[in-house]
């Protein structure tokens, strides 16, 4: 008990070496993918060099919405069912990382749109619904900071986090349900992928890298939340 208290008081995270190693691998992979995308992947004949934003924009969208918001929704629903504190920590951590990766999407998207469409923003279904999901996750985190009771905070935020389970499938279908300037699926489409082999390989490597980075950061965030909750429990005991 004394060892655990000392670890908490010192602010050190359990298994810090393993966590740092995981994050280091993800960061090295990220640098390697950026180098490959910029210098060793062909420039798109129609979109030019701006198309290389694709290797950041799309993996960030997949990780932020499908993985981040997916974990947020699943862990929130799970918490409402079994009231496990670990699920609440997973939901909180997933929400913060989802907000980060979707922010990358909302920043890189207008940059790419400016060069491809001649405008920074278009109020179409895919883009608008992604912004709405980002605001929902932001509201989720604001709600967590506004409720003092730990049990009430977990319960109310879980209800709000569960809404992501409805929005993510809707966003996925927007390009097929509504007409707009946003392109349809390029890699994950029912027909054969339309990317050339070199571009497809770069995209897949970028996707794997962003997934590794997400889970490396998630582990760190979960450990920090566990230490924070343990410290708060000791202070209120």
Protein backbone atom coordinates (compact mmCIF):
# COMPACT_ATOMS: atom_id res chain seq x y z
CA UNK A 1 0.00 0.00 0.00
CA UNK A 2 2.87 2.33 0.83
CA UNK A 3 4.52 1.59 -2.51
CA UNK A 4 1.33 2.35 -4.39
CA UNK A 5 0.87 5.58 -2.45
CA UNK A 6 4.46 6.59 -3.17
CA UNK A 7 3.96 5.91 -6.87
CA UNK A 8 0.82 8.03 -6.90
CA UNK A 9 2.43 10.84 -4.88
CA UNK A 10 5.45 10.94 -7.19
CA UNK A 11 3.19 11.22 -10.22
CA UNK A 12 4.89 8.31 -11.99
CA UNK A 13 2.81 6.15 -14.26
CA UNK A 14 2.87 2.35 -13.89
CA UNK A 15 4.64 0.52 -16.71
CA UNK A 16 6.09 3.80 -17.96
CA UNK A 17 8.91 2.11 -19.90
CA UNK A 18 6.52 -0.09 -21.87
CA UNK A 19 4.27 2.86 -22.60
CA UNK A 20 7.17 5.04 -23.74
CA UNK A 21 8.50 2.26 -25.98
CA UNK A 22 5.08 1.84 -27.61
CA UNK A 23 4.82 5.57 -28.21
CA UNK A 24 8.38 5.74 -29.55
CA UNK A 25 7.61 3.03 -32.12
CA UNK A 26 4.48 4.92 -33.20
CA UNK A 27 6.40 8.21 -33.55
CA UNK A 28 9.19 6.59 -35.54
CA UNK A 29 6.60 5.01 -37.82
CA UNK A 30 4.91 8.40 -38.20
CA UNK A 31 8.16 10.04 -39.33
CA UNK A 32 8.80 7.19 -41.77
CA UNK A 33 5.32 7.49 -43.28
CA UNK A 34 5.65 11.25 -43.69
CA UNK A 35 8.98 10.79 -45.48
CA UNK A 36 7.50 8.12 -47.75
CA UNK A 37 4.40 10.20 -48.51
CA UNK A 38 6.32 13.37 -49.36
CA UNK A 39 9.36 12.03 -51.20
CA UNK A 40 8.64 8.46 -52.31
CA UNK A 41 4.94 8.49 -53.28
CA UNK A 42 3.90 9.73 -56.76
CA UNK A 43 2.12 13.06 -57.12
CA UNK A 44 -1.50 12.74 -58.22
CA UNK A 45 -1.90 13.76 -61.87
CA UNK A 46 -5.15 15.67 -61.28
CA UNK A 47 -4.88 17.05 -57.72
CA UNK A 48 -1.15 17.68 -57.65
CA UNK A 49 1.00 17.72 -54.54
CA UNK A 50 -1.96 18.79 -52.37
CA UNK A 51 -3.29 15.23 -52.67
CA UNK A 52 -0.60 14.14 -50.21
CA UNK A 53 -2.79 15.60 -47.44
CA UNK A 54 -4.88 12.49 -48.09
CA UNK A 55 -2.34 10.39 -46.15
CA UNK A 56 -3.00 12.44 -43.01
CA UNK A 57 -6.61 13.48 -43.53
CA UNK A 58 -8.20 10.09 -44.18
CA UNK A 59 -6.30 8.02 -41.54
CA UNK A 60 -7.09 10.73 -38.96
CA UNK A 61 -10.77 10.52 -39.90
CA UNK A 62 -10.82 6.73 -39.62
CA UNK A 63 -9.01 6.72 -36.29
CA UNK A 64 -10.86 9.71 -34.81
CA UNK A 65 -14.38 8.72 -35.84
CA UNK A 66 -14.47 4.95 -36.22
CA UNK A 67 -12.00 3.95 -33.50
CA UNK A 68 -12.10 6.93 -31.11
CA UNK A 69 -15.83 7.64 -31.23
CA UNK A 70 -16.54 3.92 -31.54
CA UNK A 71 -14.71 3.24 -28.27
CA UNK A 72 -16.42 6.25 -26.71
CA UNK A 73 -19.87 4.93 -27.63
CA UNK A 74 -19.18 1.29 -26.71
CA UNK A 75 -17.57 2.10 -23.35
CA UNK A 76 -20.34 4.62 -22.54
CA UNK A 77 -23.05 2.06 -23.25
CA UNK A 78 -21.08 -0.51 -21.29
CA UNK A 79 -20.80 1.82 -18.30
CA UNK A 80 -24.55 2.43 -18.26
CA UNK A 81 -24.98 -1.33 -18.14
CA UNK A 82 -22.40 -2.57 -15.62
CA UNK A 83 -21.19 0.70 -13.93
CA UNK A 84 -17.49 -0.21 -14.23
CA UNK A 85 -15.17 2.74 -13.52
CA UNK A 86 -12.64 1.44 -16.06
CA UNK A 87 -15.19 1.88 -18.82
CA UNK A 88 -15.71 5.48 -17.75
CA UNK A 89 -11.95 6.07 -17.95
CA UNK A 90 -11.85 4.44 -21.38
CA UNK A 91 -14.70 6.64 -22.59
CA UNK A 92 -13.05 9.82 -21.28
CA UNK A 93 -9.66 8.94 -22.77
CA UNK A 94 -11.14 7.91 -26.11
CA UNK A 95 -13.11 11.15 -26.28
CA UNK A 96 -10.03 13.32 -25.79
CA UNK A 97 -8.06 11.47 -28.46
CA UNK A 98 -11.04 11.42 -30.79
CA UNK A 99 -11.31 15.20 -30.40
CA UNK A 100 -7.61 15.51 -31.29
CA UNK A 101 -7.72 13.33 -34.41
CA UNK A 102 -10.96 14.85 -35.66
CA UNK A 103 -9.43 18.30 -35.16
CA UNK A 104 -6.69 17.20 -37.55
CA UNK A 105 -9.41 16.20 -40.01
CA UNK A 106 -11.17 19.56 -39.70
CA UNK A 107 -7.88 21.45 -40.21
CA UNK A 108 -6.45 19.42 -43.11
CA UNK A 109 -9.82 19.18 -44.87
CA UNK A 110 -10.20 22.92 -45.59
CA UNK A 111 -6.55 23.15 -46.70
CA UNK A 112 -7.13 20.36 -49.21
CA UNK A 113 -10.52 21.80 -50.20
CA UNK A 114 -8.98 25.19 -50.94
CA UNK A 115 -6.59 23.71 -53.50
CA UNK A 116 -9.10 21.24 -54.98
CA UNK A 117 -12.45 23.06 -54.83
CA UNK A 118 -11.32 26.69 -54.63
CA UNK A 119 -13.02 27.24 -51.27
CA UNK A 120 -12.12 26.57 -47.66
CA UNK A 121 -15.48 25.18 -46.54
CA UNK A 122 -18.65 23.72 -48.02
CA UNK A 123 -21.74 23.10 -45.89
CA UNK A 124 -22.41 19.61 -47.19
CA UNK A 125 -23.55 16.51 -45.30
CA UNK A 126 -20.20 14.77 -44.69
CA UNK A 127 -18.32 17.88 -43.61
CA UNK A 128 -21.13 19.37 -41.54
CA UNK A 129 -21.90 16.09 -39.74
CA UNK A 130 -18.20 15.62 -38.94
CA UNK A 131 -18.10 19.09 -37.40
CA UNK A 132 -21.26 18.26 -35.44
CA UNK A 133 -19.65 15.06 -34.12
CA UNK A 134 -16.56 17.02 -33.07
CA UNK A 135 -18.78 19.49 -31.20
CA UNK A 136 -20.61 16.58 -29.56
CA UNK A 137 -17.34 15.14 -28.27
CA UNK A 138 -16.26 18.61 -27.12
CA UNK A 139 -19.58 18.97 -25.29
CA UNK A 140 -19.02 15.55 -23.71
CA UNK A 141 -15.68 16.71 -22.27
CA UNK A 142 -17.13 20.04 -21.13
CA UNK A 143 -19.93 18.16 -19.35
CA UNK A 144 -17.39 16.00 -17.54
CA UNK A 145 -15.70 19.11 -16.22
CA UNK A 146 -18.96 20.69 -15.10
CA UNK A 147 -20.26 17.88 -12.85
CA UNK A 148 -18.55 17.48 -9.47
CA UNK A 149 -20.02 14.14 -8.42
CA UNK A 150 -17.95 11.28 -9.86
CA UNK A 151 -20.94 8.96 -10.21
CA UNK A 152 -23.19 11.65 -11.68
CA UNK A 153 -20.45 12.78 -14.05
CA UNK A 154 -19.87 9.24 -15.31
CA UNK A 155 -23.59 8.55 -15.76
CA UNK A 156 -24.49 11.80 -17.54
CA UNK A 157 -21.46 11.77 -19.79
CA UNK A 158 -22.12 8.12 -20.68
CA UNK A 159 -25.58 9.06 -21.92
CA UNK A 160 -24.08 11.80 -24.08
CA UNK A 161 -21.21 9.60 -25.27
CA UNK A 162 -23.66 6.94 -26.42
CA UNK A 163 -24.95 9.33 -29.09
CA UNK A 164 -21.73 8.76 -31.04
CA UNK A 165 -23.04 5.29 -31.84
CA UNK A 166 -25.75 6.95 -33.93
CA UNK A 167 -23.70 9.70 -35.56
CA UNK A 168 -20.71 7.64 -36.80
CA UNK A 169 -22.76 5.29 -39.05
CA UNK A 170 -24.69 8.30 -40.35
CA UNK A 171 -21.47 10.12 -41.27
CA UNK A 172 -20.22 6.99 -43.03
CA UNK A 173 -23.34 6.89 -45.23
CA UNK A 174 -23.58 10.61 -46.00
CA UNK A 175 -21.60 10.47 -49.25
CA UNK A 176 -24.02 7.83 -50.55
CA UNK A 177 -27.22 9.37 -49.18
CA UNK A 178 -26.57 12.99 -50.13
CA UNK A 179 -25.02 14.66 -53.13
CA UNK A 180 -22.05 16.90 -52.42
CA UNK A 181 -18.52 17.85 -53.38
CA UNK A 182 -16.91 15.46 -50.90
CA UNK A 183 -15.63 12.37 -52.77
CA UNK A 184 -16.94 8.91 -52.01
CA UNK A 185 -14.85 6.04 -50.63
CA UNK A 186 -11.57 5.50 -52.46
CA UNK A 187 -10.00 2.58 -50.58
CA UNK A 188 -12.87 1.18 -48.50
CA UNK A 189 -15.43 0.91 -51.28
CA UNK A 190 -17.34 -2.16 -52.52
CA UNK A 191 -15.59 -2.08 -55.89
CA UNK A 192 -11.84 -2.41 -56.38
CA UNK A 193 -9.79 0.43 -54.80
CA UNK A 194 -9.06 3.20 -57.28
CA UNK A 195 -5.67 4.14 -55.83
CA UNK A 196 -2.49 3.06 -57.67
CA UNK A 197 -0.45 0.42 -55.80
CA UNK A 198 2.20 2.89 -54.55
CA UNK A 199 -0.40 5.28 -53.17
CA UNK A 200 -2.45 2.46 -51.68
CA UNK A 201 0.60 1.11 -49.84
CA UNK A 202 1.43 4.55 -48.45
CA UNK A 203 -2.14 4.98 -47.29
CA UNK A 204 -2.23 1.58 -45.57
CA UNK A 205 1.10 2.29 -43.84
CA UNK A 206 -0.24 5.67 -42.72
CA UNK A 207 -3.42 4.07 -41.41
CA UNK A 208 -1.51 1.46 -39.40
CA UNK A 209 0.76 4.21 -38.03
CA UNK A 210 -2.14 6.40 -36.93
CA UNK A 211 -3.80 3.42 -35.27
CA UNK A 212 -0.57 2.64 -33.38
CA UNK A 213 -0.28 6.28 -32.35
CA UNK A 214 -3.87 6.36 -31.13
CA UNK A 215 -3.48 3.30 -28.91
CA UNK A 216 -0.08 4.43 -27.62
CA UNK A 217 -1.61 7.73 -26.52
CA UNK A 218 -4.70 5.93 -25.20
CA UNK A 219 -2.60 3.76 -22.89
CA UNK A 220 -0.81 6.80 -21.51
CA UNK A 221 -4.09 8.67 -21.02
CA UNK A 222 -5.70 5.68 -19.31
CA UNK A 223 -2.78 5.31 -16.91
CA UNK A 224 -2.89 9.00 -16.09
CA UNK A 225 -6.65 8.78 -15.41
CA UNK A 226 -6.12 5.78 -13.12
CA UNK A 227 -3.46 7.63 -11.10
CA UNK A 228 -5.63 10.77 -10.95
CA UNK A 229 -8.66 8.83 -9.70
CA UNK A 230 -6.58 6.98 -7.12
CA UNK A 231 -5.15 10.26 -5.82
CA UNK A 232 -8.64 11.79 -5.59
CA UNK A 233 -9.89 8.71 -3.75
CA UNK A 234 -7.06 9.02 -1.22
CA UNK A 235 -7.74 12.72 -0.70
CA UNK A 236 -11.44 12.17 -0.04
CA UNK A 237 -10.96 9.06 2.11
